[in-house]
Amino acid sequence: MKINPLNNSAINPYKRQQAKVEQAEAQKQKTTDKLEISNQAKELLGNGRIQAERREKVDQLKSEVENGTYKADPKKTAEDLLKFFRS
């Protein structure tokens, strides 16, 4: 009479499949996304002059709206809307 060892793979036929799934999950966790910003983009982000000018313009527009002195140009608004929707 022959006795087979207890660690026979036929006892649990899904063991190999489970090992493959676990290995795939481990591999998936190892990969990560990486973001690189070019030097030119860093220079543009670091340019505080543009941000300062934008902030000044926004503050000026806010004060005009609050005071009731802001006048919108309807023709310019319509032209810009057409440009936006046509492109």
N, C-alpha and C. Protein backbone atom coordinates (compact mmCIF):
# COMPACT_ATOMS: atom_id res chain seq x y z
N MET A 1 0.83 -1.17 0.00
CA MET A 1 0.00 0.00 0.00
C MET A 1 0.89 1.25 0.00
N LYS A 2 0.54 2.22 -0.88
CA LYS A 2 1.32 3.44 -1.01
C LYS A 2 0.55 4.60 -0.39
N ILE A 3 1.22 5.40 0.43
CA ILE A 3 0.59 6.57 1.07
C ILE A 3 1.20 7.82 0.45
N ASN A 4 0.35 8.67 -0.09
CA ASN A 4 0.81 9.92 -0.71
C ASN A 4 1.07 10.96 0.38
N PRO A 5 2.00 11.86 0.12
CA PRO A 5 2.26 12.91 1.12
C PRO A 5 1.04 13.82 1.29
N LEU A 6 0.93 14.44 2.46
CA LEU A 6 -0.22 15.28 2.78
C LEU A 6 -0.24 16.61 2.01
N ASN A 7 0.90 17.07 1.60
CA ASN A 7 0.94 18.35 0.90
C ASN A 7 0.72 18.19 -0.60
N ASN A 8 -0.08 17.26 -0.97
CA ASN A 8 -0.40 17.02 -2.36
C ASN A 8 -1.22 18.19 -2.90
N SER A 9 -0.92 18.65 -4.10
CA SER A 9 -1.63 19.78 -4.67
C SER A 9 -3.06 19.43 -5.05
N ALA A 10 -3.37 18.16 -5.14
CA ALA A 10 -4.73 17.76 -5.48
C ALA A 10 -5.70 17.98 -4.33
N ILE A 11 -5.20 18.16 -3.13
CA ILE A 11 -6.06 18.40 -1.98
C ILE A 11 -6.77 19.75 -2.13
N ASN A 12 -6.03 20.75 -2.56
CA ASN A 12 -6.61 22.07 -2.75
C ASN A 12 -6.30 22.53 -4.18
N PRO A 13 -7.19 22.26 -5.12
CA PRO A 13 -6.89 22.60 -6.51
C PRO A 13 -6.85 24.10 -6.77
N TYR A 14 -7.39 24.90 -5.87
CA TYR A 14 -7.40 26.35 -6.07
C TYR A 14 -6.19 27.04 -5.47
N LYS A 15 -5.30 26.28 -4.87
CA LYS A 15 -4.14 26.86 -4.21
C LYS A 15 -3.25 27.60 -5.20
N ARG A 16 -3.02 27.01 -6.36
CA ARG A 16 -2.18 27.66 -7.37
C ARG A 16 -2.84 28.95 -7.87
N GLN A 17 -4.12 28.88 -8.09
CA GLN A 17 -4.84 30.06 -8.58
C GLN A 17 -4.78 31.18 -7.53
N GLN A 18 -4.96 30.83 -6.27
CA GLN A 18 -4.90 31.83 -5.20
C GLN A 18 -3.51 32.44 -5.12
N ALA A 19 -2.48 31.62 -5.30
CA ALA A 19 -1.10 32.13 -5.28
C ALA A 19 -0.90 33.12 -6.42
N LYS A 20 -1.44 32.84 -7.60
CA LYS A 20 -1.30 33.75 -8.73
C LYS A 20 -2.00 35.08 -8.45
N VAL A 21 -3.18 35.01 -7.84
CA VAL A 21 -3.92 36.23 -7.51
C VAL A 21 -3.15 37.06 -6.50
N GLU A 22 -2.63 36.42 -5.48
CA GLU A 22 -1.86 37.13 -4.46
C GLU A 22 -0.61 37.75 -5.06
N GLN A 23 0.03 37.05 -5.97
CA GLN A 23 1.24 37.57 -6.61
C GLN A 23 0.89 38.78 -7.49
N ALA A 24 -0.22 38.72 -8.19
CA ALA A 24 -0.64 39.84 -9.02
C ALA A 24 -0.97 41.06 -8.16
N GLU A 25 -1.62 40.84 -7.02
CA GLU A 25 -1.94 41.95 -6.12
C GLU A 25 -0.67 42.57 -5.55
N ALA A 26 0.29 41.75 -5.21
CA ALA A 26 1.55 42.26 -4.68
C ALA A 26 2.28 43.07 -5.76
N GLN A 27 2.25 42.60 -6.99
CA GLN A 27 2.88 43.33 -8.09
C GLN A 27 2.16 44.65 -8.34
N LYS A 28 0.85 44.64 -8.22
CA LYS A 28 0.05 45.83 -8.44
C LYS A 28 0.36 46.90 -7.40
N GLN A 29 0.59 46.48 -6.17
CA GLN A 29 0.89 47.42 -5.10
C GLN A 29 2.27 48.02 -5.27
N LYS A 30 3.18 47.33 -5.93
CA LYS A 30 4.53 47.83 -6.12
C LYS A 30 4.58 48.97 -7.12
N THR A 31 3.71 48.96 -8.12
CA THR A 31 3.73 50.00 -9.13
C THR A 31 3.07 51.25 -8.60
N THR A 32 3.69 52.37 -8.86
CA THR A 32 3.15 53.65 -8.42
C THR A 32 3.20 54.64 -9.58
N ASP A 33 2.35 55.63 -9.51
CA ASP A 33 2.34 56.69 -10.51
C ASP A 33 3.39 57.72 -10.14
N LYS A 34 3.91 58.38 -11.15
CA LYS A 34 4.94 59.37 -10.92
C LYS A 34 4.62 60.60 -11.74
N LEU A 35 4.74 61.76 -11.14
CA LEU A 35 4.46 63.02 -11.80
C LEU A 35 5.74 63.83 -11.83
N GLU A 36 6.08 64.30 -13.02
CA GLU A 36 7.26 65.14 -13.17
C GLU A 36 6.85 66.46 -13.81
N ILE A 37 7.31 67.55 -13.24
CA ILE A 37 7.01 68.88 -13.77
C ILE A 37 8.28 69.40 -14.43
N SER A 38 8.14 69.86 -15.66
CA SER A 38 9.31 70.34 -16.40
C SER A 38 9.84 71.62 -15.77
N ASN A 39 11.08 71.94 -16.11
CA ASN A 39 11.70 73.16 -15.58
C ASN A 39 10.96 74.40 -16.06
N GLN A 40 10.49 74.35 -17.31
CA GLN A 40 9.75 75.49 -17.85
C GLN A 40 8.46 75.71 -17.07
N ALA A 41 7.77 74.63 -16.72
CA ALA A 41 6.53 74.76 -15.95
C ALA A 41 6.83 75.28 -14.54
N LYS A 42 7.94 74.84 -13.97
CA LYS A 42 8.32 75.33 -12.64
C LYS A 42 8.59 76.82 -12.69
N GLU A 43 9.22 77.28 -13.76
CA GLU A 43 9.49 78.71 -13.89
C GLU A 43 8.18 79.50 -14.00
N LEU A 44 7.24 78.94 -14.77
CA LEU A 44 5.95 79.63 -14.91
C LEU A 44 5.19 79.68 -13.60
N LEU A 45 5.27 78.59 -12.84
CA LEU A 45 4.59 78.57 -11.54
C LEU A 45 5.25 79.52 -10.56
N GLY A 46 6.55 79.64 -10.65
CA GLY A 46 7.28 80.48 -9.72
C GLY A 46 7.21 81.95 -10.06
N ASN A 47 6.64 82.29 -11.20
CA ASN A 47 6.57 83.68 -11.63
C ASN A 47 5.47 84.39 -10.85
N GLY A 48 5.84 85.09 -9.79
CA GLY A 48 4.88 85.76 -8.93
C GLY A 48 4.34 87.03 -9.54
N ARG A 49 5.01 87.58 -10.54
CA ARG A 49 4.57 88.83 -11.16
C ARG A 49 3.21 88.65 -11.81
N ILE A 50 3.03 87.53 -12.53
CA ILE A 50 1.75 87.27 -13.20
C ILE A 50 0.64 87.10 -12.17
N GLN A 51 0.94 86.37 -11.11
CA GLN A 51 -0.07 86.15 -10.06
C GLN A 51 -0.41 87.46 -9.37
N ALA A 52 0.57 88.32 -9.16
CA ALA A 52 0.32 89.60 -8.50
C ALA A 52 -0.56 90.49 -9.40
N GLU A 53 -0.27 90.50 -10.71
CA GLU A 53 -1.08 91.30 -11.63
C GLU A 53 -2.51 90.79 -11.67
N ARG A 54 -2.67 89.48 -11.69
CA ARG A 54 -4.01 88.89 -11.71
C ARG A 54 -4.76 89.25 -10.43
N ARG A 55 -4.07 89.16 -9.29
CA ARG A 55 -4.71 89.47 -8.02
C ARG A 55 -5.15 90.94 -7.98
N GLU A 56 -4.30 91.84 -8.51
CA GLU A 56 -4.65 93.26 -8.54
C GLU A 56 -5.90 93.49 -9.40
N LYS A 57 -5.95 92.83 -10.56
CA LYS A 57 -7.10 93.01 -11.45
C LYS A 57 -8.38 92.47 -10.80
N VAL A 58 -8.28 91.32 -10.15
CA VAL A 58 -9.45 90.74 -9.48
C VAL A 58 -9.91 91.66 -8.36
N ASP A 59 -8.98 92.19 -7.58
CA ASP A 59 -9.35 93.11 -6.50
C ASP A 59 -10.03 94.37 -7.05
N GLN A 60 -9.50 94.87 -8.17
CA GLN A 60 -10.09 96.06 -8.79
C GLN A 60 -11.52 95.75 -9.26
N LEU A 61 -11.71 94.61 -9.91
CA LEU A 61 -13.05 94.24 -10.38
C LEU A 61 -14.02 94.04 -9.21
N LYS A 62 -13.53 93.43 -8.13
CA LYS A 62 -14.38 93.24 -6.95
C LYS A 62 -14.86 94.58 -6.40
N SER A 63 -13.93 95.53 -6.29
CA SER A 63 -14.31 96.82 -5.74
C SER A 63 -15.29 97.55 -6.66
N GLU A 64 -15.11 97.43 -7.99
CA GLU A 64 -16.03 98.06 -8.92
C GLU A 64 -17.43 97.44 -8.81
N VAL A 65 -17.49 96.13 -8.67
CA VAL A 65 -18.78 95.46 -8.54
C VAL A 65 -19.46 95.86 -7.24
N GLU A 66 -18.69 95.90 -6.16
CA GLU A 66 -19.26 96.27 -4.86
C GLU A 66 -19.76 97.71 -4.86
N ASN A 67 -19.04 98.60 -5.54
CA ASN A 67 -19.43 100.00 -5.58
C ASN A 67 -20.54 100.26 -6.60
N GLY A 68 -20.77 99.33 -7.49
CA GLY A 68 -21.79 99.52 -8.52
C GLY A 68 -21.29 100.30 -9.71
N THR A 69 -19.98 100.44 -9.86
CA THR A 69 -19.41 101.21 -10.97
C THR A 69 -18.93 100.32 -12.11
N TYR A 70 -19.09 99.02 -11.99
CA TYR A 70 -18.62 98.10 -13.04
C TYR A 70 -19.61 98.10 -14.19
N LYS A 71 -19.11 98.32 -15.39
CA LYS A 71 -19.93 98.30 -16.59
C LYS A 71 -19.37 97.24 -17.54
N ALA A 72 -20.17 96.25 -17.84
CA ALA A 72 -19.75 95.19 -18.76
C ALA A 72 -20.02 95.64 -20.19
N ASP A 73 -19.13 95.29 -21.11
CA ASP A 73 -19.29 95.61 -22.52
C ASP A 73 -20.00 94.43 -23.18
N PRO A 74 -21.28 94.59 -23.55
CA PRO A 74 -22.03 93.44 -24.09
C PRO A 74 -21.46 92.92 -25.41
N LYS A 75 -20.93 93.80 -26.25
CA LYS A 75 -20.35 93.36 -27.52
C LYS A 75 -19.11 92.50 -27.29
N LYS A 76 -18.26 92.94 -26.39
CA LYS A 76 -17.05 92.18 -26.07
C LYS A 76 -17.41 90.82 -25.46
N THR A 77 -18.41 90.81 -24.59
CA THR A 77 -18.86 89.56 -23.97
C THR A 77 -19.39 88.60 -25.03
N ALA A 78 -20.20 89.11 -25.96
CA ALA A 78 -20.75 88.27 -27.02
C ALA A 78 -19.65 87.72 -27.92
N GLU A 79 -18.66 88.56 -28.26
CA GLU A 79 -17.55 88.11 -29.10
C GLU A 79 -16.77 86.99 -28.42
N ASP A 80 -16.50 87.17 -27.14
CA ASP A 80 -15.75 86.16 -26.40
C ASP A 80 -16.54 84.85 -26.28
N LEU A 81 -17.85 84.96 -26.09
CA LEU A 81 -18.68 83.75 -26.03
C LEU A 81 -18.66 83.01 -27.36
N LEU A 82 -18.75 83.74 -28.46
CA LEU A 82 -18.69 83.10 -29.77
C LEU A 82 -17.34 82.42 -30.00
N LYS A 83 -16.27 83.08 -29.63
CA LYS A 83 -14.94 82.48 -29.77
C LYS A 83 -14.84 81.19 -28.95
N PHE A 84 -15.39 81.23 -27.74
CA PHE A 84 -15.32 80.07 -26.86
C PHE A 84 -16.08 78.87 -27.43
N PHE A 85 -17.30 79.11 -27.91
CA PHE A 85 -18.12 78.00 -28.38
C PHE A 85 -17.76 77.53 -29.78
N ARG A 86 -17.12 78.37 -30.57
CA ARG A 86 -16.70 77.95 -31.91
C ARG A 86 -15.41 77.17 -31.91
N SER A 87 -14.59 77.35 -30.92
CA SER A 87 -13.30 76.63 -30.91
C SER A 87 -13.36 75.33 -30.18
